[in-house]
Amino acid sequence: MRTASRTVTALVVTALLTGGVAACSTDESTQSLQDQLASVQAERDQLAAQLDARATRHEASLATITAEEDILANQDSYESPEAVVDALAALATPDAKMDDEVFGAVNLRQGWYYTLFGDSMDARIDVHHHWLSEDGSQGGSLWVWHGTNSNGKPFELVGISLMDYDDQGRLTNEFVTYPYPDEYVEGAVDGAGTPASGSLGTQ
């Protein structure tokens, strides 16, 4: 009888221990699943925040591009050359640069002043096409720079600008390049102008 009693007792203890281990294993599995779920949710929320930031930046940068093109298309509506370049500079950060492949890098406001009005120049920029990256950080435009140069000669140049924008969509840098030799660009702006204004042909 004692042997049978001990056997029953051993079985009960074993059952209790086994049940405890099973319960412990179930608790650990549940916690693991909860941790994994929390990790997935955190990644989802982070991705959603990144997508929202990209969309916000894109919209802001596009608004900057649109505003710049509107100013350039309606510069005669401003009371002075200074008012035009002030409006353009307001779309950029204070330390933004215009880096011209031929004429060098200067503060953006100074660059715009020289482009449109410097040294008795009377010029315009007509934007024909623009593009913008999905996250709004970089963009570009194809344009025609034309008018009367510093020597009173007509000129016309095709060019491309590549732009960088900050998180608020403000312009931080503009790189300007041309499909011409440097000497041709310099002559167009500071010399005899362009011999075939209106042709838009490369030299």
N, C-alpha and C. Protein backbone atom coordinates (compact mmCIF):
# COMPACT_ATOMS: atom_id res chain seq x y z
N MET A 1 0.82 -1.21 0.00
CA MET A 1 0.00 0.00 0.00
C MET A 1 0.85 1.26 0.00
N ARG A 2 1.93 1.24 0.83
CA ARG A 2 2.79 2.43 0.86
C ARG A 2 3.43 2.69 -0.49
N THR A 3 3.81 1.57 -1.15
CA THR A 3 4.42 1.73 -2.48
C THR A 3 3.45 2.36 -3.45
N ALA A 4 2.21 1.91 -3.43
CA ALA A 4 1.18 2.47 -4.32
C ALA A 4 0.94 3.93 -4.00
N SER A 5 0.90 4.27 -2.70
CA SER A 5 0.68 5.65 -2.29
C SER A 5 1.80 6.55 -2.78
N ARG A 6 3.04 6.05 -2.63
CA ARG A 6 4.19 6.85 -3.09
C ARG A 6 4.14 7.06 -4.61
N THR A 7 3.70 5.98 -5.30
CA THR A 7 3.61 6.09 -6.76
C THR A 7 2.59 7.15 -7.18
N VAL A 8 1.43 7.13 -6.51
CA VAL A 8 0.39 8.12 -6.80
C VAL A 8 0.90 9.53 -6.50
N THR A 9 1.59 9.64 -5.35
CA THR A 9 2.13 10.96 -4.96
C THR A 9 3.13 11.44 -6.01
N ALA A 10 3.99 10.55 -6.49
CA ALA A 10 4.98 10.90 -7.50
C ALA A 10 4.31 11.36 -8.79
N LEU A 11 3.24 10.65 -9.17
CA LEU A 11 2.52 11.03 -10.39
C LEU A 11 1.88 12.40 -10.26
N VAL A 12 1.31 12.67 -9.09
CA VAL A 12 0.68 13.98 -8.85
C VAL A 12 1.71 15.09 -8.95
N VAL A 13 2.86 14.87 -8.26
CA VAL A 13 3.93 15.88 -8.29
C VAL A 13 4.41 16.12 -9.71
N THR A 14 4.59 14.99 -10.47
CA THR A 14 5.03 15.10 -11.86
C THR A 14 4.03 15.88 -12.69
N ALA A 15 2.76 15.60 -12.48
CA ALA A 15 1.71 16.31 -13.23
C ALA A 15 1.72 17.80 -12.92
N LEU A 16 1.90 18.10 -11.65
CA LEU A 16 1.93 19.52 -11.25
C LEU A 16 3.13 20.23 -11.86
N LEU A 17 4.28 19.54 -11.81
CA LEU A 17 5.49 20.15 -12.37
C LEU A 17 5.36 20.34 -13.88
N THR A 18 4.84 19.29 -14.54
CA THR A 18 4.66 19.36 -15.99
C THR A 18 3.71 20.47 -16.37
N GLY A 19 2.62 20.59 -15.63
CA GLY A 19 1.66 21.66 -15.88
C GLY A 19 2.28 23.02 -15.67
N GLY A 20 3.11 23.13 -14.65
CA GLY A 20 3.77 24.41 -14.38
C GLY A 20 4.72 24.80 -15.48
N VAL A 21 5.46 23.82 -16.00
CA VAL A 21 6.38 24.09 -17.10
C VAL A 21 5.62 24.51 -18.34
N ALA A 22 4.50 23.81 -18.59
CA ALA A 22 3.69 24.14 -19.76
C ALA A 22 3.13 25.55 -19.64
N ALA A 23 2.66 25.88 -18.44
CA ALA A 23 2.12 27.23 -18.23
C ALA A 23 3.20 28.28 -18.41
N CYS A 24 4.38 27.97 -17.90
CA CYS A 24 5.49 28.92 -18.02
C CYS A 24 5.87 29.11 -19.48
N SER A 25 5.89 27.99 -20.25
CA SER A 25 6.23 28.05 -21.66
C SER A 25 5.20 28.86 -22.43
N THR A 26 3.92 28.68 -22.08
CA THR A 26 2.86 29.43 -22.74
C THR A 26 2.99 30.93 -22.47
N ASP A 27 3.30 31.29 -21.23
CA ASP A 27 3.49 32.69 -20.86
C ASP A 27 4.64 33.32 -21.65
N GLU A 28 5.73 32.56 -21.77
CA GLU A 28 6.88 33.06 -22.50
C GLU A 28 6.57 33.25 -23.99
N SER A 29 5.82 32.32 -24.56
CA SER A 29 5.44 32.43 -25.97
C SER A 29 4.55 33.64 -26.19
N THR A 30 3.59 33.83 -25.26
CA THR A 30 2.70 34.99 -25.37
C THR A 30 3.49 36.29 -25.30
N GLN A 31 4.44 36.37 -24.37
CA GLN A 31 5.26 37.57 -24.22
C GLN A 31 6.10 37.81 -25.47
N SER A 32 6.65 36.72 -26.04
CA SER A 32 7.45 36.83 -27.25
C SER A 32 6.63 37.37 -28.41
N LEU A 33 5.40 36.85 -28.55
CA LEU A 33 4.52 37.33 -29.60
C LEU A 33 4.17 38.80 -29.40
N GLN A 34 3.93 39.19 -28.16
CA GLN A 34 3.61 40.58 -27.86
C GLN A 34 4.79 41.49 -28.19
N ASP A 35 6.01 41.02 -27.86
CA ASP A 35 7.20 41.81 -28.16
C ASP A 35 7.37 41.96 -29.68
N GLN A 36 7.14 40.89 -30.42
CA GLN A 36 7.26 40.94 -31.87
C GLN A 36 6.22 41.89 -32.47
N LEU A 37 5.00 41.81 -31.94
CA LEU A 37 3.94 42.68 -32.41
C LEU A 37 4.27 44.14 -32.14
N ALA A 38 4.80 44.41 -30.96
CA ALA A 38 5.17 45.78 -30.61
C ALA A 38 6.27 46.29 -31.54
N SER A 39 7.23 45.41 -31.87
CA SER A 39 8.32 45.79 -32.77
C SER A 39 7.80 46.11 -34.16
N VAL A 40 6.88 45.27 -34.66
CA VAL A 40 6.30 45.50 -35.98
C VAL A 40 5.50 46.80 -36.01
N GLN A 41 4.75 47.05 -34.95
CA GLN A 41 3.97 48.29 -34.88
C GLN A 41 4.88 49.51 -34.84
N ALA A 42 5.99 49.40 -34.11
CA ALA A 42 6.94 50.51 -34.04
C ALA A 42 7.55 50.80 -35.41
N GLU A 43 7.91 49.73 -36.12
CA GLU A 43 8.45 49.89 -37.47
C GLU A 43 7.41 50.50 -38.41
N ARG A 44 6.15 50.05 -38.27
CA ARG A 44 5.08 50.59 -39.09
C ARG A 44 4.90 52.08 -38.83
N ASP A 45 4.89 52.46 -37.56
CA ASP A 45 4.70 53.86 -37.20
C ASP A 45 5.88 54.72 -37.70
N GLN A 46 7.08 54.17 -37.61
CA GLN A 46 8.26 54.90 -38.07
C GLN A 46 8.21 55.10 -39.58
N LEU A 47 7.82 54.06 -40.30
CA LEU A 47 7.70 54.16 -41.75
C LEU A 47 6.62 55.16 -42.14
N ALA A 48 5.50 55.11 -41.43
CA ALA A 48 4.41 56.06 -41.71
C ALA A 48 4.87 57.50 -41.48
N ALA A 49 5.64 57.71 -40.42
CA ALA A 49 6.16 59.05 -40.12
C ALA A 49 7.11 59.50 -41.21
N GLN A 50 7.96 58.58 -41.70
CA GLN A 50 8.90 58.92 -42.77
C GLN A 50 8.16 59.27 -44.07
N LEU A 51 7.12 58.50 -44.38
CA LEU A 51 6.34 58.77 -45.59
C LEU A 51 5.62 60.11 -45.48
N ASP A 52 5.10 60.40 -44.30
CA ASP A 52 4.43 61.69 -44.08
C ASP A 52 5.42 62.84 -44.25
N ALA A 53 6.64 62.67 -43.71
CA ALA A 53 7.66 63.70 -43.82
C ALA A 53 8.06 63.91 -45.27
N ARG A 54 8.20 62.81 -46.02
CA ARG A 54 8.55 62.91 -47.44
C ARG A 54 7.46 63.67 -48.21
N ALA A 55 6.21 63.32 -47.93
CA ALA A 55 5.10 63.97 -48.62
C ALA A 55 5.03 65.45 -48.28
N THR A 56 5.24 65.77 -47.01
CA THR A 56 5.20 67.17 -46.58
C THR A 56 6.32 67.97 -47.23
N ARG A 57 7.52 67.39 -47.26
CA ARG A 57 8.66 68.06 -47.88
C ARG A 57 8.44 68.24 -49.38
N HIS A 58 7.89 67.23 -50.03
CA HIS A 58 7.62 67.32 -51.46
C HIS A 58 6.66 68.46 -51.76
N GLU A 59 5.59 68.54 -50.98
CA GLU A 59 4.60 69.60 -51.18
C GLU A 59 5.23 70.98 -50.96
N ALA A 60 6.05 71.10 -49.91
CA ALA A 60 6.68 72.38 -49.61
C ALA A 60 7.67 72.79 -50.69
N SER A 61 8.47 71.84 -51.16
CA SER A 61 9.45 72.13 -52.21
C SER A 61 8.75 72.49 -53.52
N LEU A 62 7.67 71.78 -53.82
CA LEU A 62 6.90 72.09 -55.03
C LEU A 62 6.31 73.50 -54.95
N ALA A 63 5.85 73.88 -53.75
CA ALA A 63 5.33 75.24 -53.57
C ALA A 63 6.42 76.27 -53.80
N THR A 64 7.65 75.97 -53.37
CA THR A 64 8.78 76.87 -53.60
C THR A 64 9.05 77.02 -55.09
N ILE A 65 9.06 75.90 -55.80
CA ILE A 65 9.30 75.93 -57.25
C ILE A 65 8.23 76.75 -57.96
N THR A 66 6.98 76.52 -57.59
CA THR A 66 5.87 77.24 -58.21
C THR A 66 5.95 78.73 -57.93
N ALA A 67 6.29 79.09 -56.69
CA ALA A 67 6.40 80.50 -56.32
C ALA A 67 7.54 81.17 -57.08
N GLU A 68 8.67 80.47 -57.21
CA GLU A 68 9.81 81.03 -57.93
C GLU A 68 9.45 81.28 -59.40
N GLU A 69 8.80 80.32 -60.03
CA GLU A 69 8.42 80.48 -61.42
C GLU A 69 7.42 81.63 -61.60
N ASP A 70 6.54 81.80 -60.63
CA ASP A 70 5.56 82.88 -60.69
C ASP A 70 6.25 84.24 -60.59
N ILE A 71 7.24 84.35 -59.70
CA ILE A 71 7.99 85.60 -59.57
C ILE A 71 8.71 85.93 -60.87
N LEU A 72 9.38 84.94 -61.45
CA LEU A 72 10.14 85.16 -62.68
C LEU A 72 9.23 85.52 -63.84
N ALA A 73 8.04 84.94 -63.88
CA ALA A 73 7.11 85.22 -64.97
C ALA A 73 6.43 86.58 -64.82
N ASN A 74 6.46 87.13 -63.60
CA ASN A 74 5.75 88.40 -63.35
C ASN A 74 6.65 89.44 -62.68
N GLN A 75 7.94 89.42 -63.02
CA GLN A 75 8.85 90.34 -62.34
C GLN A 75 8.55 91.81 -62.61
N ASP A 76 7.85 92.10 -63.72
CA ASP A 76 7.48 93.49 -64.01
C ASP A 76 6.44 94.02 -63.03
N SER A 77 5.78 93.14 -62.31
CA SER A 77 4.76 93.59 -61.36
C SER A 77 5.37 94.06 -60.04
N TYR A 78 6.68 93.86 -59.87
CA TYR A 78 7.35 94.30 -58.64
C TYR A 78 7.85 95.74 -58.81
N GLU A 79 7.91 96.45 -57.70
CA GLU A 79 8.22 97.87 -57.78
C GLU A 79 9.68 98.19 -58.09
N SER A 80 10.55 97.23 -57.89
CA SER A 80 11.97 97.48 -58.13
C SER A 80 12.71 96.16 -58.32
N PRO A 81 13.91 96.22 -58.91
CA PRO A 81 14.73 95.01 -59.00
C PRO A 81 15.01 94.39 -57.63
N GLU A 82 15.22 95.24 -56.64
CA GLU A 82 15.48 94.74 -55.29
C GLU A 82 14.30 93.94 -54.76
N ALA A 83 13.09 94.40 -55.07
CA ALA A 83 11.89 93.68 -54.61
C ALA A 83 11.79 92.30 -55.26
N VAL A 84 12.22 92.20 -56.51
CA VAL A 84 12.20 90.91 -57.21
C VAL A 84 13.16 89.94 -56.55
N VAL A 85 14.40 90.37 -56.34
CA VAL A 85 15.40 89.45 -55.78
C VAL A 85 15.11 89.16 -54.31
N ASP A 86 14.50 90.11 -53.60
CA ASP A 86 14.10 89.84 -52.22
C ASP A 86 13.03 88.74 -52.17
N ALA A 87 12.10 88.79 -53.11
CA ALA A 87 11.04 87.77 -53.17
C ALA A 87 11.64 86.40 -53.49
N LEU A 88 12.60 86.37 -54.39
CA LEU A 88 13.26 85.11 -54.74
C LEU A 88 14.08 84.58 -53.57
N ALA A 89 14.81 85.48 -52.90
CA ALA A 89 15.64 85.07 -51.77
C ALA A 89 14.81 84.58 -50.60
N ALA A 90 13.58 85.07 -50.47
CA ALA A 90 12.71 84.65 -49.37
C ALA A 90 12.31 83.18 -49.48
N LEU A 91 12.50 82.60 -50.65
CA LEU A 91 12.16 81.19 -50.85
C LEU A 91 13.31 80.27 -50.46
N ALA A 92 14.43 80.86 -50.04
CA ALA A 92 15.63 80.07 -49.74
C ALA A 92 16.09 80.32 -48.31
N THR A 93 17.02 79.49 -47.87
CA THR A 93 17.65 79.71 -46.56
C THR A 93 18.59 80.90 -46.67
N PRO A 94 18.90 81.57 -45.56
CA PRO A 94 19.76 82.76 -45.61
C PRO A 94 21.14 82.50 -46.21
N ASP A 95 21.66 81.30 -46.02
CA ASP A 95 23.00 80.99 -46.54
C ASP A 95 22.97 80.22 -47.86
N ALA A 96 21.84 80.21 -48.53
CA ALA A 96 21.72 79.49 -49.80
C ALA A 96 22.67 80.07 -50.84
N LYS A 97 23.20 79.20 -51.70
CA LYS A 97 24.15 79.60 -52.72
C LYS A 97 23.59 79.36 -54.12
N MET A 98 24.01 80.21 -55.05
CA MET A 98 23.83 79.95 -56.48
C MET A 98 25.22 79.67 -57.02
N ASP A 99 25.42 78.43 -57.43
CA ASP A 99 26.73 77.99 -57.90
C ASP A 99 26.69 77.84 -59.41
N ASP A 100 27.16 78.89 -60.10
CA ASP A 100 27.13 78.91 -61.56
C ASP A 100 28.42 78.29 -62.10
N GLU A 101 28.28 77.33 -63.01
CA GLU A 101 29.43 76.62 -63.54
C GLU A 101 30.44 77.55 -64.20
N VAL A 102 29.96 78.65 -64.77
CA VAL A 102 30.83 79.59 -65.46
C VAL A 102 31.25 80.75 -64.57
N PHE A 103 30.31 81.32 -63.81
CA PHE A 103 30.58 82.54 -63.07
C PHE A 103 30.90 82.33 -61.59
N GLY A 104 30.83 81.10 -61.11
CA GLY A 104 31.20 80.82 -59.73
C GLY A 104 30.03 80.82 -58.77
N ALA A 105 30.34 80.64 -57.48
CA ALA A 105 29.31 80.52 -56.44
C ALA A 105 29.22 81.82 -55.63
N VAL A 106 27.99 82.27 -55.42
CA VAL A 106 27.72 83.46 -54.61
C VAL A 106 26.45 83.22 -53.80
N ASN A 107 26.17 84.12 -52.87
CA ASN A 107 24.90 84.08 -52.15
C ASN A 107 23.76 84.11 -53.15
N LEU A 108 22.69 83.37 -52.88
CA LEU A 108 21.60 83.24 -53.84
C LEU A 108 21.01 84.58 -54.25
N ARG A 109 20.80 85.48 -53.30
CA ARG A 109 20.22 86.78 -53.63
C ARG A 109 21.13 87.53 -54.60
N GLN A 110 22.42 87.52 -54.31
CA GLN A 110 23.39 88.18 -55.18
C GLN A 110 23.38 87.54 -56.56
N GLY A 111 23.29 86.22 -56.60
CA GLY A 111 23.25 85.52 -57.88
C GLY A 111 22.04 85.91 -58.72
N TRP A 112 20.89 86.01 -58.08
CA TRP A 112 19.70 86.41 -58.81
C TRP A 112 19.80 87.85 -59.30
N TYR A 113 20.37 88.71 -58.48
CA TYR A 113 20.49 90.12 -58.90
C TYR A 113 21.37 90.22 -60.14
N TYR A 114 22.49 89.52 -60.11
CA TYR A 114 23.39 89.57 -61.26
C TYR A 114 22.72 88.96 -62.49
N THR A 115 21.99 87.87 -62.31
CA THR A 115 21.34 87.18 -63.42
C THR A 115 20.32 88.07 -64.13
N LEU A 116 19.57 88.84 -63.37
CA LEU A 116 18.48 89.61 -63.95
C LEU A 116 18.79 91.08 -64.21
N PHE A 117 19.63 91.67 -63.33
CA PHE A 117 19.79 93.13 -63.40
C PHE A 117 21.23 93.63 -63.34
N GLY A 118 22.18 92.77 -63.02
CA GLY A 118 23.54 93.23 -62.76
C GLY A 118 24.21 93.90 -63.94
N ASP A 119 25.03 94.92 -63.66
CA ASP A 119 25.80 95.64 -64.70
C ASP A 119 24.91 96.12 -65.83
N SER A 120 23.80 96.75 -65.48
CA SER A 120 22.86 97.33 -66.45
C SER A 120 22.19 96.28 -67.33
N MET A 121 22.21 95.04 -66.89
CA MET A 121 21.55 93.98 -67.64
C MET A 121 20.04 94.08 -67.48
N ASP A 122 19.33 93.72 -68.53
CA ASP A 122 17.87 93.65 -68.48
C ASP A 122 17.49 92.27 -69.02
N ALA A 123 17.28 91.33 -68.12
CA ALA A 123 17.13 89.94 -68.55
C ALA A 123 15.96 89.26 -67.86
N ARG A 124 15.61 88.12 -68.42
CA ARG A 124 14.53 87.31 -67.86
C ARG A 124 14.96 85.84 -67.87
N ILE A 125 14.29 85.07 -67.04
CA ILE A 125 14.44 83.61 -67.05
C ILE A 125 13.06 83.02 -67.32
N ASP A 126 12.92 82.32 -68.42
CA ASP A 126 11.68 81.61 -68.75
C ASP A 126 11.87 80.13 -68.46
N VAL A 127 11.16 79.60 -67.48
CA VAL A 127 11.27 78.19 -67.12
C VAL A 127 10.36 77.37 -68.04
N HIS A 128 10.94 76.38 -68.70
CA HIS A 128 10.18 75.55 -69.64
C HIS A 128 9.80 74.19 -69.06
N HIS A 129 10.54 73.75 -68.07
CA HIS A 129 10.21 72.46 -67.47
C HIS A 129 10.90 72.37 -66.11
N HIS A 130 10.23 71.71 -65.15
CA HIS A 130 10.87 71.45 -63.86
C HIS A 130 10.56 70.03 -63.41
N TRP A 131 11.37 69.52 -62.52
CA TRP A 131 11.14 68.20 -61.96
C TRP A 131 11.56 68.21 -60.50
N LEU A 132 11.06 67.21 -59.74
CA LEU A 132 11.29 67.17 -58.30
C LEU A 132 11.32 65.71 -57.85
N SER A 133 12.28 65.37 -56.99
CA SER A 133 12.37 64.01 -56.47
C SER A 133 11.17 63.69 -55.60
N GLU A 134 10.93 62.39 -55.38
CA GLU A 134 9.76 61.96 -54.61
C GLU A 134 9.77 62.49 -53.19
N ASP A 135 10.97 62.61 -52.60
CA ASP A 135 11.03 63.09 -51.21
C ASP A 135 11.18 64.61 -51.12
N GLY A 136 11.20 65.30 -52.26
CA GLY A 136 11.26 66.75 -52.26
C GLY A 136 12.62 67.34 -51.90
N SER A 137 13.66 66.52 -51.84
CA SER A 137 14.96 67.02 -51.43
C SER A 137 15.77 67.63 -52.57
N GLN A 138 15.48 67.20 -53.80
CA GLN A 138 16.23 67.67 -54.96
C GLN A 138 15.29 67.91 -56.13
N GLY A 139 15.65 68.87 -56.95
CA GLY A 139 14.84 69.17 -58.12
C GLY A 139 15.70 69.79 -59.20
N GLY A 140 15.05 70.16 -60.27
CA GLY A 140 15.79 70.78 -61.37
C GLY A 140 14.85 71.50 -62.30
N SER A 141 15.42 72.31 -63.18
CA SER A 141 14.61 73.03 -64.16
C SER A 141 15.40 73.28 -65.43
N LEU A 142 14.68 73.33 -66.53
CA LEU A 142 15.23 73.70 -67.83
C LEU A 142 14.68 75.07 -68.17
N TRP A 143 15.56 76.00 -68.53
CA TRP A 143 15.12 77.37 -68.72
C TRP A 143 15.87 78.05 -69.86
N VAL A 144 15.36 79.22 -70.23
CA VAL A 144 16.03 80.09 -71.21
C VAL A 144 16.29 81.42 -70.54
N TRP A 145 17.55 81.83 -70.55
CA TRP A 145 17.99 83.13 -70.00
C TRP A 145 18.19 84.05 -71.20
N HIS A 146 17.46 85.15 -71.24
CA HIS A 146 17.53 86.01 -72.43
C HIS A 146 17.26 87.46 -72.05
N GLY A 147 17.61 88.35 -72.98
CA GLY A 147 17.39 89.78 -72.76
C GLY A 147 18.51 90.59 -73.36
N THR A 148 18.83 91.67 -72.68
CA THR A 148 19.92 92.56 -73.11
C THR A 148 21.03 92.46 -72.09
N ASN A 149 22.26 92.20 -72.58
CA ASN A 149 23.37 92.01 -71.63
C ASN A 149 23.96 93.32 -71.16
N SER A 150 25.06 93.23 -70.42
CA SER A 150 25.66 94.41 -69.81
C SER A 150 26.22 95.40 -70.83
N ASN A 151 26.40 94.96 -72.09
CA ASN A 151 26.87 95.84 -73.16
C ASN A 151 25.73 96.28 -74.08
N GLY A 152 24.51 96.02 -73.66
CA GLY A 152 23.37 96.42 -74.47
C GLY A 152 23.12 95.52 -75.66
N LYS A 153 23.70 94.32 -75.66
CA LYS A 153 23.56 93.39 -76.76
C LYS A 153 22.55 92.30 -76.41
N PRO A 154 21.76 91.88 -77.38
CA PRO A 154 20.80 90.79 -77.10
C PRO A 154 21.53 89.46 -76.91
N PHE A 155 21.00 88.66 -76.02
CA PHE A 155 21.58 87.34 -75.80
C PHE A 155 20.48 86.35 -75.44
N GLU A 156 20.79 85.08 -75.61
CA GLU A 156 19.84 84.03 -75.27
C GLU A 156 20.62 82.75 -74.99
N LEU A 157 20.42 82.18 -73.81
CA LEU A 157 21.13 80.98 -73.41
C LEU A 157 20.15 79.97 -72.79
N VAL A 158 20.33 78.72 -73.16
CA VAL A 158 19.60 77.64 -72.51
C VAL A 158 20.44 77.17 -71.32
N GLY A 159 19.79 76.80 -70.25
CA GLY A 159 20.53 76.31 -69.09
C GLY A 159 19.70 75.35 -68.25
N ILE A 160 20.38 74.70 -67.35
CA ILE A 160 19.74 73.77 -66.42
C ILE A 160 20.18 74.11 -65.01
N SER A 161 19.24 74.11 -64.08
CA SER A 161 19.54 74.29 -62.67
C SER A 161 19.21 73.01 -61.91
N LEU A 162 20.10 72.66 -61.00
CA LEU A 162 19.88 71.53 -60.11
C LEU A 162 19.81 72.07 -58.69
N MET A 163 18.70 71.81 -57.99
CA MET A 163 18.45 72.43 -56.70
C MET A 163 18.38 71.43 -55.56
N ASP A 164 18.77 71.90 -54.36
CA ASP A 164 18.62 71.15 -53.12
C ASP A 164 17.66 71.91 -52.21
N TYR A 165 16.80 71.16 -51.48
CA TYR A 165 15.82 71.78 -50.60
C TYR A 165 15.93 71.18 -49.20
N ASP A 166 15.67 72.02 -48.18
CA ASP A 166 15.70 71.51 -46.80
C ASP A 166 14.35 70.89 -46.44
N ASP A 167 14.20 70.49 -45.17
CA ASP A 167 12.98 69.79 -44.75
C ASP A 167 11.73 70.66 -44.87
N GLN A 168 11.90 71.99 -44.86
CA GLN A 168 10.77 72.90 -44.99
C GLN A 168 10.52 73.32 -46.44
N GLY A 169 11.26 72.71 -47.37
CA GLY A 169 11.08 73.04 -48.77
C GLY A 169 11.79 74.30 -49.21
N ARG A 170 12.68 74.84 -48.38
CA ARG A 170 13.42 76.03 -48.76
C ARG A 170 14.66 75.65 -49.55
N LEU A 171 14.96 76.46 -50.55
CA LEU A 171 16.11 76.21 -51.40
C LEU A 171 17.40 76.44 -50.62
N THR A 172 18.33 75.48 -50.70
CA THR A 172 19.61 75.61 -50.00
C THR A 172 20.78 75.77 -50.96
N ASN A 173 20.63 75.26 -52.18
CA ASN A 173 21.71 75.39 -53.16
C ASN A 173 21.14 75.22 -54.56
N GLU A 174 21.67 76.03 -55.48
CA GLU A 174 21.28 75.93 -56.89
C GLU A 174 22.54 75.87 -57.74
N PHE A 175 22.71 74.77 -58.45
CA PHE A 175 23.84 74.61 -59.35
C PHE A 175 23.37 74.87 -60.77
N VAL A 176 24.05 75.78 -61.47
CA VAL A 176 23.65 76.22 -62.81
C VAL A 176 24.69 75.74 -63.82
N THR A 177 24.21 75.10 -64.89
CA THR A 177 25.11 74.63 -65.93
C THR A 177 24.52 74.91 -67.31
N TYR A 178 25.41 74.90 -68.33
CA TYR A 178 25.02 75.26 -69.70
C TYR A 178 25.58 74.24 -70.70
N PRO A 179 24.91 74.08 -71.84
CA PRO A 179 25.42 73.18 -72.88
C PRO A 179 26.34 73.92 -73.87
N TYR A 180 27.14 74.85 -73.35
CA TYR A 180 28.04 75.64 -74.20
C TYR A 180 29.42 75.70 -73.56
N PRO A 181 30.43 76.04 -74.35
CA PRO A 181 31.74 76.33 -73.77
C PRO A 181 31.65 77.57 -72.87
N ASP A 182 32.50 77.64 -71.87
CA ASP A 182 32.49 78.78 -70.95
C ASP A 182 32.64 80.10 -71.68
N GLU A 183 33.51 80.14 -72.69
CA GLU A 183 33.77 81.39 -73.42
C GLU A 183 32.52 81.90 -74.13
N TYR A 184 31.70 80.98 -74.61
CA TYR A 184 30.47 81.38 -75.29
C TYR A 184 29.50 82.03 -74.31
N VAL A 185 29.38 81.43 -73.12
CA VAL A 185 28.49 81.97 -72.09
C VAL A 185 28.98 83.34 -71.64
N GLU A 186 30.27 83.46 -71.40
CA GLU A 186 30.84 84.74 -70.97
C GLU A 186 30.62 85.82 -72.02
N GLY A 187 30.80 85.47 -73.28
CA GLY A 187 30.58 86.44 -74.35
C GLY A 187 29.12 86.83 -74.48
N ALA A 188 28.23 85.88 -74.24
CA ALA A 188 26.80 86.18 -74.31
C ALA A 188 26.38 87.18 -73.26
N VAL A 189 26.95 87.03 -72.05
CA VAL A 189 26.52 87.85 -70.92
C VAL A 189 27.32 89.14 -70.78
N ASP A 190 28.60 89.08 -71.06
CA ASP A 190 29.47 90.25 -70.83
C ASP A 190 30.11 90.80 -72.10
N GLY A 191 29.77 90.23 -73.25
CA GLY A 191 30.42 90.66 -74.48
C GLY A 191 29.46 91.03 -75.58
N ALA A 192 29.60 90.36 -76.73
CA ALA A 192 28.84 90.72 -77.91
C ALA A 192 27.46 90.08 -77.97
N GLY A 193 27.08 89.36 -76.93
CA GLY A 193 25.78 88.69 -76.95
C GLY A 193 25.85 87.40 -77.71
N THR A 194 24.71 86.93 -78.19
CA THR A 194 24.68 85.70 -78.98
C THR A 194 24.28 86.05 -80.40
N PRO A 195 25.00 85.53 -81.39
CA PRO A 195 24.76 85.90 -82.78
C PRO A 195 23.44 85.38 -83.35
N ALA A 196 22.91 84.34 -82.76
CA ALA A 196 21.69 83.74 -83.30
C ALA A 196 20.63 83.66 -82.22
N SER A 197 20.30 84.80 -81.60
CA SER A 197 19.31 84.83 -80.54
C SER A 197 17.99 84.28 -81.05
N GLY A 198 17.43 83.33 -80.32
CA GLY A 198 16.17 82.70 -80.71
C GLY A 198 16.35 81.32 -81.27
N SER A 199 17.59 80.98 -81.66
CA SER A 199 17.83 79.65 -82.23
C SER A 199 17.93 78.57 -81.17
N LEU A 200 18.41 78.94 -79.97
CA LEU A 200 18.60 78.02 -78.86
C LEU A 200 19.56 76.89 -79.22
N GLY A 201 20.37 77.08 -80.23
CA GLY A 201 21.31 76.04 -80.63
C GLY A 201 22.57 76.05 -79.77
N THR A 202 23.17 74.87 -79.53
CA THR A 202 24.43 74.80 -78.81
C THR A 202 25.57 75.19 -79.74
N GLN A 203 26.62 75.66 -79.13
CA GLN A 203 27.77 76.10 -79.91
C GLN A 203 28.91 75.13 -79.79
